[in-house]
Each structure stands twice: as C-alpha cells, then as structure tokens.
C-alpha cells in the first residue's frame, strides 16, 4: 500500500508547496494513525526564527493527535524558510500558516455518523 502526505496550502510562507511536499515521506505516516485509518488535513501555525528555522509549531486544525504530532515534528525538524525582514532589511521572526493533508490512497475518510435517538 502506498501512503501519501500532500501539501494543499502554503499561506504567506517563503517555501513553495512543491518544496514543502518534499519534506514528508512515506515513513513519516504515524503507525497508530495508519492502523486506525486516520487521515485528513492538519493546519499549523509555524513561528520561523531569523535564521529561517521553525522554532514553534501550533496546531490550528487537527486531524487527530498522532497526525498533528507528526506534522509538527516534520516541520520543526526539516522545514527551512527564507526569514522575514523588517523595514531595515534585518531578519526577524514571523508566523506562517501551512496545511498538510495526510491521505491513505484507497481508504475513504471516515465520517462521523449523525447522532440519532430511537424511541
């Protein structure tokens, strides 16, 4: 079975979606998420320091604990950005938002069943 993690959005960041897509590999898919068939988008707010490294990762849209954790681990460890600059041209910290969609090909996302009560 082939596993895929897709980058679907890269908002206000210096890295393109194509560059970010290379950050994630098949081995990054958390085993516990795979066993449970978990997939979906994880949106994170990254704090990028003046050296272009991710110094903080905050999940703003969750796809489950293990996928959230994997997203932050990968982004913190591997992502590199061109730092933001201030009006004097000096590198400064900045926040960027990025969405990663974790997908298991051939597996349809599980949708919660409506809560119904019978009398």
N, C-alpha and C. Protein backbone atom coordinates (compact mmCIF):
# COMPACT_ATOMS: atom_id res chain seq x y z
N UNK A 1 0.85 -1.18 0.00
CA UNK A 1 0.00 0.00 0.00
C UNK A 1 0.89 1.24 0.00
N UNK A 2 0.58 2.17 -0.86
CA UNK A 2 1.34 3.41 -0.97
C UNK A 2 0.68 4.48 -0.11
N UNK A 3 1.47 5.15 0.71
CA UNK A 3 0.96 6.20 1.58
C UNK A 3 1.41 7.55 1.07
N UNK A 4 0.59 8.55 1.26
CA UNK A 4 0.91 9.87 0.73
C UNK A 4 0.55 10.93 1.75
N UNK A 5 1.38 11.93 1.84
CA UNK A 5 1.03 13.14 2.58
C UNK A 5 1.14 14.28 1.59
N UNK A 6 0.10 15.00 1.40
CA UNK A 6 0.06 16.07 0.41
C UNK A 6 0.07 17.43 1.06
N UNK A 7 0.78 18.36 0.47
CA UNK A 7 0.70 19.74 0.90
C UNK A 7 -0.41 20.39 0.07
N UNK A 8 -1.44 20.94 0.74
CA UNK A 8 -2.50 21.56 -0.04
C UNK A 8 -2.50 23.08 0.05
N UNK A 9 -1.80 23.62 1.01
CA UNK A 9 -1.76 25.07 1.09
C UNK A 9 -0.47 25.51 1.77
N UNK A 10 0.03 26.59 1.31
CA UNK A 10 1.23 27.16 1.91
C UNK A 10 0.99 28.66 1.90
N UNK A 11 0.45 29.18 2.98
CA UNK A 11 0.00 30.56 3.02
C UNK A 11 1.07 31.46 3.63
N UNK A 12 1.46 32.48 2.91
CA UNK A 12 2.39 33.51 3.39
C UNK A 12 3.74 32.96 3.80
N UNK A 13 4.15 31.84 3.25
CA UNK A 13 5.47 31.33 3.59
C UNK A 13 6.42 31.48 2.42
N UNK A 14 7.68 31.47 2.73
CA UNK A 14 8.69 31.60 1.69
C UNK A 14 8.88 30.30 0.93
N UNK A 15 8.52 29.18 1.53
CA UNK A 15 8.66 27.89 0.86
C UNK A 15 7.44 27.65 -0.02
N UNK A 16 7.66 27.13 -1.20
CA UNK A 16 6.53 26.82 -2.07
C UNK A 16 5.94 25.48 -1.65
N UNK A 17 4.71 25.21 -2.08
CA UNK A 17 4.07 23.94 -1.75
C UNK A 17 4.89 22.78 -2.31
N UNK A 18 5.48 22.98 -3.47
CA UNK A 18 6.30 21.93 -4.07
C UNK A 18 7.51 21.62 -3.20
N UNK A 19 8.17 22.64 -2.68
CA UNK A 19 9.32 22.43 -1.79
C UNK A 19 8.89 21.75 -0.50
N UNK A 20 7.76 22.17 0.05
CA UNK A 20 7.28 21.60 1.30
C UNK A 20 6.88 20.14 1.12
N UNK A 21 6.36 19.78 -0.05
CA UNK A 21 5.94 18.40 -0.30
C UNK A 21 7.11 17.44 -0.14
N UNK A 22 8.32 17.87 -0.44
CA UNK A 22 9.49 17.02 -0.30
C UNK A 22 9.91 16.78 1.14
N UNK A 23 9.30 17.47 2.07
CA UNK A 23 9.64 17.30 3.49
C UNK A 23 9.07 16.02 4.08
N UNK A 24 7.99 15.52 3.50
CA UNK A 24 7.25 14.40 4.07
C UNK A 24 7.52 13.15 3.25
N UNK A 25 7.79 12.04 3.94
CA UNK A 25 7.99 10.77 3.24
C UNK A 25 7.00 9.74 3.76
N UNK A 26 6.92 8.62 3.08
CA UNK A 26 6.02 7.54 3.45
C UNK A 26 6.27 7.11 4.90
N UNK A 27 7.53 7.08 5.31
CA UNK A 27 7.87 6.65 6.66
C UNK A 27 7.41 7.59 7.76
N UNK A 28 6.96 8.79 7.40
CA UNK A 28 6.50 9.76 8.39
C UNK A 28 5.07 9.51 8.86
N UNK A 29 4.31 8.68 8.11
CA UNK A 29 2.92 8.43 8.49
C UNK A 29 2.91 7.66 9.81
N UNK A 30 2.30 8.21 10.85
CA UNK A 30 2.32 7.54 12.15
C UNK A 30 1.62 6.17 12.09
N UNK A 31 2.27 5.17 12.64
CA UNK A 31 1.72 3.81 12.62
C UNK A 31 0.35 3.73 13.26
N UNK A 32 0.18 4.42 14.40
CA UNK A 32 -1.12 4.36 15.08
C UNK A 32 -2.23 4.99 14.24
N UNK A 33 -1.91 6.05 13.47
CA UNK A 33 -2.90 6.67 12.60
C UNK A 33 -3.22 5.73 11.44
N UNK A 34 -2.23 5.05 10.93
CA UNK A 34 -2.41 4.11 9.84
C UNK A 34 -3.30 2.95 10.28
N UNK A 35 -3.04 2.41 11.45
CA UNK A 35 -3.84 1.30 11.99
C UNK A 35 -5.30 1.71 12.14
N UNK A 36 -5.53 2.93 12.61
CA UNK A 36 -6.90 3.42 12.81
C UNK A 36 -7.51 4.01 11.54
N UNK A 37 -6.73 4.08 10.46
CA UNK A 37 -7.25 4.64 9.21
C UNK A 37 -7.45 6.14 9.27
N UNK A 38 -6.72 6.81 10.14
CA UNK A 38 -6.87 8.26 10.29
C UNK A 38 -6.17 8.98 9.14
N UNK A 39 -6.84 9.99 8.64
CA UNK A 39 -6.29 10.82 7.59
C UNK A 39 -7.01 12.16 7.62
N UNK A 40 -6.47 13.13 6.90
CA UNK A 40 -7.11 14.43 6.83
C UNK A 40 -6.13 15.57 6.97
N UNK A 41 -6.65 16.81 6.91
CA UNK A 41 -5.78 17.98 6.96
C UNK A 41 -5.35 18.36 8.37
N UNK A 42 -4.10 18.78 8.46
CA UNK A 42 -3.56 19.37 9.70
C UNK A 42 -3.04 20.75 9.30
N UNK A 43 -3.60 21.79 9.89
CA UNK A 43 -3.11 23.14 9.64
C UNK A 43 -2.33 23.58 10.86
N UNK A 44 -1.12 24.06 10.61
CA UNK A 44 -0.25 24.51 11.70
C UNK A 44 0.17 25.96 11.49
N UNK A 45 0.36 26.64 12.60
CA UNK A 45 0.96 27.97 12.57
C UNK A 45 2.39 27.79 13.04
N UNK A 46 3.32 28.14 12.18
CA UNK A 46 4.74 27.97 12.47
C UNK A 46 5.35 29.32 12.83
N UNK A 47 6.18 29.35 13.86
CA UNK A 47 6.98 30.52 14.15
C UNK A 47 8.36 30.24 13.58
N UNK A 48 8.77 31.10 12.66
CA UNK A 48 10.06 30.94 12.00
C UNK A 48 11.01 32.01 12.54
N UNK A 49 12.16 31.56 13.04
CA UNK A 49 13.11 32.50 13.65
C UNK A 49 13.93 33.22 12.58
N UNK A 50 14.74 34.19 12.96
CA UNK A 50 15.52 34.97 11.98
C UNK A 50 16.52 34.13 11.17
N UNK A 51 16.80 32.91 11.60
CA UNK A 51 17.69 32.04 10.83
C UNK A 51 16.93 31.16 9.84
N UNK A 52 15.59 31.30 9.81
CA UNK A 52 14.77 30.54 8.87
C UNK A 52 14.38 29.16 9.37
N UNK A 53 14.58 28.89 10.65
CA UNK A 53 14.22 27.61 11.24
C UNK A 53 12.91 27.73 12.02
N UNK A 54 12.14 26.66 12.04
CA UNK A 54 10.89 26.65 12.79
C UNK A 54 11.23 26.53 14.28
N UNK A 55 10.78 27.51 15.06
CA UNK A 55 11.04 27.50 16.49
C UNK A 55 9.81 27.11 17.31
N UNK A 56 8.63 27.13 16.69
CA UNK A 56 7.41 26.73 17.37
C UNK A 56 6.38 26.28 16.34
N UNK A 57 5.55 25.34 16.75
CA UNK A 57 4.50 24.80 15.88
C UNK A 57 3.24 24.66 16.70
N UNK A 58 2.17 25.29 16.24
CA UNK A 58 0.88 25.24 16.94
C UNK A 58 -0.16 24.71 15.96
N UNK A 59 -0.88 23.66 16.35
CA UNK A 59 -1.93 23.10 15.50
C UNK A 59 -3.17 23.97 15.61
N UNK A 60 -3.68 24.40 14.45
CA UNK A 60 -4.91 25.21 14.44
C UNK A 60 -6.09 24.45 13.84
N UNK A 61 -5.82 23.41 13.03
CA UNK A 61 -6.84 22.49 12.55
C UNK A 61 -6.28 21.09 12.73
N UNK A 62 -6.98 20.27 13.50
CA UNK A 62 -6.48 18.96 13.87
C UNK A 62 -7.08 17.84 13.02
N UNK A 63 -6.26 16.80 12.79
CA UNK A 63 -6.74 15.58 12.14
C UNK A 63 -6.55 14.40 13.09
N UNK A 64 -6.28 14.68 14.34
CA UNK A 64 -6.03 13.64 15.33
C UNK A 64 -4.63 13.79 15.90
N UNK A 65 -4.48 13.36 17.14
CA UNK A 65 -3.24 13.59 17.87
C UNK A 65 -2.01 13.11 17.13
N UNK A 66 -2.01 11.90 16.62
CA UNK A 66 -0.78 11.36 16.02
C UNK A 66 -0.41 12.09 14.72
N UNK A 67 -1.40 12.47 13.92
CA UNK A 67 -1.11 13.22 12.68
C UNK A 67 -0.67 14.64 13.00
N UNK A 68 -1.27 15.25 14.03
CA UNK A 68 -0.86 16.59 14.46
C UNK A 68 0.60 16.57 14.91
N UNK A 69 0.92 15.59 15.74
CA UNK A 69 2.28 15.47 16.27
C UNK A 69 3.29 15.23 15.14
N UNK A 70 2.95 14.35 14.20
CA UNK A 70 3.85 14.06 13.08
C UNK A 70 4.08 15.31 12.23
N UNK A 71 3.03 16.09 12.02
CA UNK A 71 3.16 17.31 11.22
C UNK A 71 4.14 18.28 11.89
N UNK A 72 3.96 18.52 13.18
CA UNK A 72 4.86 19.45 13.88
C UNK A 72 6.29 18.91 13.94
N UNK A 73 6.45 17.61 14.16
CA UNK A 73 7.80 17.04 14.19
C UNK A 73 8.52 17.23 12.85
N UNK A 74 7.84 16.92 11.77
CA UNK A 74 8.45 17.05 10.44
C UNK A 74 8.77 18.51 10.13
N UNK A 75 7.82 19.40 10.38
CA UNK A 75 8.03 20.81 10.06
C UNK A 75 9.15 21.41 10.91
N UNK A 76 9.20 21.06 12.19
CA UNK A 76 10.24 21.59 13.07
C UNK A 76 11.62 21.05 12.70
N UNK A 77 11.68 19.80 12.35
CA UNK A 77 12.96 19.16 12.05
C UNK A 77 13.50 19.49 10.66
N UNK A 78 12.61 19.55 9.66
CA UNK A 78 13.08 19.62 8.27
C UNK A 78 12.82 20.93 7.53
N UNK A 79 11.81 21.67 7.89
CA UNK A 79 11.44 22.87 7.12
C UNK A 79 12.47 23.98 7.28
N UNK A 80 12.77 24.63 6.18
CA UNK A 80 13.67 25.79 6.18
C UNK A 80 12.99 26.89 5.36
N UNK A 81 13.07 28.12 5.86
CA UNK A 81 12.41 29.24 5.23
C UNK A 81 13.39 30.38 5.00
N UNK A 82 13.07 31.21 4.05
CA UNK A 82 13.77 32.48 3.91
C UNK A 82 13.15 33.38 4.97
N UNK A 83 13.95 33.87 5.91
CA UNK A 83 13.37 34.66 7.01
C UNK A 83 12.68 35.94 6.54
N UNK A 84 11.68 36.34 7.29
CA UNK A 84 11.03 37.63 7.05
C UNK A 84 12.04 38.72 7.42
N UNK A 85 11.83 39.91 6.88
CA UNK A 85 12.72 41.03 7.19
C UNK A 85 11.90 42.23 7.64
N UNK A 86 12.53 43.06 8.45
CA UNK A 86 11.86 44.29 8.89
C UNK A 86 12.16 45.41 7.89
N UNK A 87 11.73 46.62 8.21
CA UNK A 87 11.90 47.75 7.28
C UNK A 87 13.36 48.11 7.04
N UNK A 88 14.26 47.71 7.95
CA UNK A 88 15.69 47.96 7.75
C UNK A 88 16.38 46.81 7.00
N UNK A 89 15.62 45.78 6.67
CA UNK A 89 16.19 44.64 5.95
C UNK A 89 16.79 43.57 6.85
N UNK A 90 16.59 43.70 8.16
CA UNK A 90 17.12 42.71 9.10
C UNK A 90 16.16 41.54 9.23
N UNK A 91 16.71 40.33 9.34
CA UNK A 91 15.89 39.13 9.51
C UNK A 91 15.19 39.18 10.87
N UNK A 92 13.90 38.81 10.86
CA UNK A 92 13.10 38.82 12.08
C UNK A 92 12.25 37.55 12.13
N UNK A 93 11.74 37.23 13.32
CA UNK A 93 10.81 36.11 13.47
C UNK A 93 9.47 36.48 12.84
N UNK A 94 8.78 35.47 12.34
CA UNK A 94 7.46 35.68 11.75
C UNK A 94 6.67 34.38 11.85
N UNK A 95 5.35 34.50 11.73
CA UNK A 95 4.47 33.34 11.74
C UNK A 95 3.99 33.03 10.33
N UNK A 96 3.92 31.74 10.02
CA UNK A 96 3.44 31.25 8.73
C UNK A 96 2.43 30.15 9.00
N UNK A 97 1.43 30.06 8.14
CA UNK A 97 0.43 29.01 8.26
C UNK A 97 0.60 28.03 7.12
N UNK A 98 0.51 26.75 7.44
CA UNK A 98 0.68 25.71 6.42
C UNK A 98 -0.29 24.58 6.71
N UNK A 99 -0.85 23.98 5.65
CA UNK A 99 -1.74 22.85 5.79
C UNK A 99 -1.13 21.63 5.11
N UNK A 100 -1.12 20.53 5.83
CA UNK A 100 -0.65 19.25 5.29
C UNK A 100 -1.86 18.32 5.31
N UNK A 101 -2.13 17.66 4.19
CA UNK A 101 -3.21 16.68 4.15
C UNK A 101 -2.59 15.29 4.13
N UNK A 102 -2.88 14.53 5.16
CA UNK A 102 -2.42 13.15 5.26
C UNK A 102 -3.48 12.28 4.63
N UNK A 103 -3.08 11.42 3.68
CA UNK A 103 -4.05 10.60 2.96
C UNK A 103 -3.51 9.20 2.74
N UNK A 104 -4.36 8.22 2.99
CA UNK A 104 -4.06 6.83 2.68
C UNK A 104 -4.82 6.52 1.40
N UNK A 105 -4.14 6.38 0.26
CA UNK A 105 -4.84 6.11 -1.00
C UNK A 105 -5.69 4.85 -0.91
N UNK A 106 -6.88 4.94 -1.47
CA UNK A 106 -7.78 3.79 -1.47
C UNK A 106 -8.63 3.68 -0.22
N UNK A 107 -8.36 4.50 0.78
CA UNK A 107 -9.15 4.47 2.01
C UNK A 107 -9.98 5.74 2.07
N UNK A 108 -11.28 5.57 2.14
CA UNK A 108 -12.17 6.73 2.21
C UNK A 108 -12.16 7.27 3.63
N UNK A 109 -12.18 8.59 3.77
CA UNK A 109 -12.22 9.18 5.11
C UNK A 109 -13.47 8.71 5.86
N UNK A 110 -13.31 8.45 7.14
CA UNK A 110 -14.44 8.05 7.98
C UNK A 110 -15.18 9.31 8.41
N UNK A 111 -16.44 9.34 8.10
CA UNK A 111 -17.26 10.47 8.51
C UNK A 111 -18.09 10.05 9.73
N UNK A 112 -18.16 10.92 10.73
CA UNK A 112 -18.96 10.56 11.90
C UNK A 112 -20.42 10.38 11.51
N UNK A 113 -21.06 9.38 12.11
CA UNK A 113 -22.48 9.14 11.85
C UNK A 113 -23.30 10.14 12.65
N UNK A 114 -24.40 10.60 12.05
CA UNK A 114 -25.26 11.54 12.80
C UNK A 114 -25.77 10.86 14.07
N UNK A 115 -25.85 11.65 15.10
CA UNK A 115 -26.32 11.13 16.38
C UNK A 115 -27.84 11.08 16.34
N UNK A 116 -28.37 9.87 16.30
CA UNK A 116 -29.82 9.73 16.27
C UNK A 116 -30.28 8.94 17.48
N UNK A 117 -31.45 9.27 17.94
CA UNK A 117 -32.02 8.53 19.07
C UNK A 117 -33.33 7.89 18.62
N UNK A 118 -33.56 6.69 19.06
CA UNK A 118 -34.79 5.98 18.72
C UNK A 118 -35.69 5.93 19.96
N UNK A 119 -36.96 6.01 19.69
CA UNK A 119 -37.92 5.93 20.80
C UNK A 119 -38.72 4.69 20.67
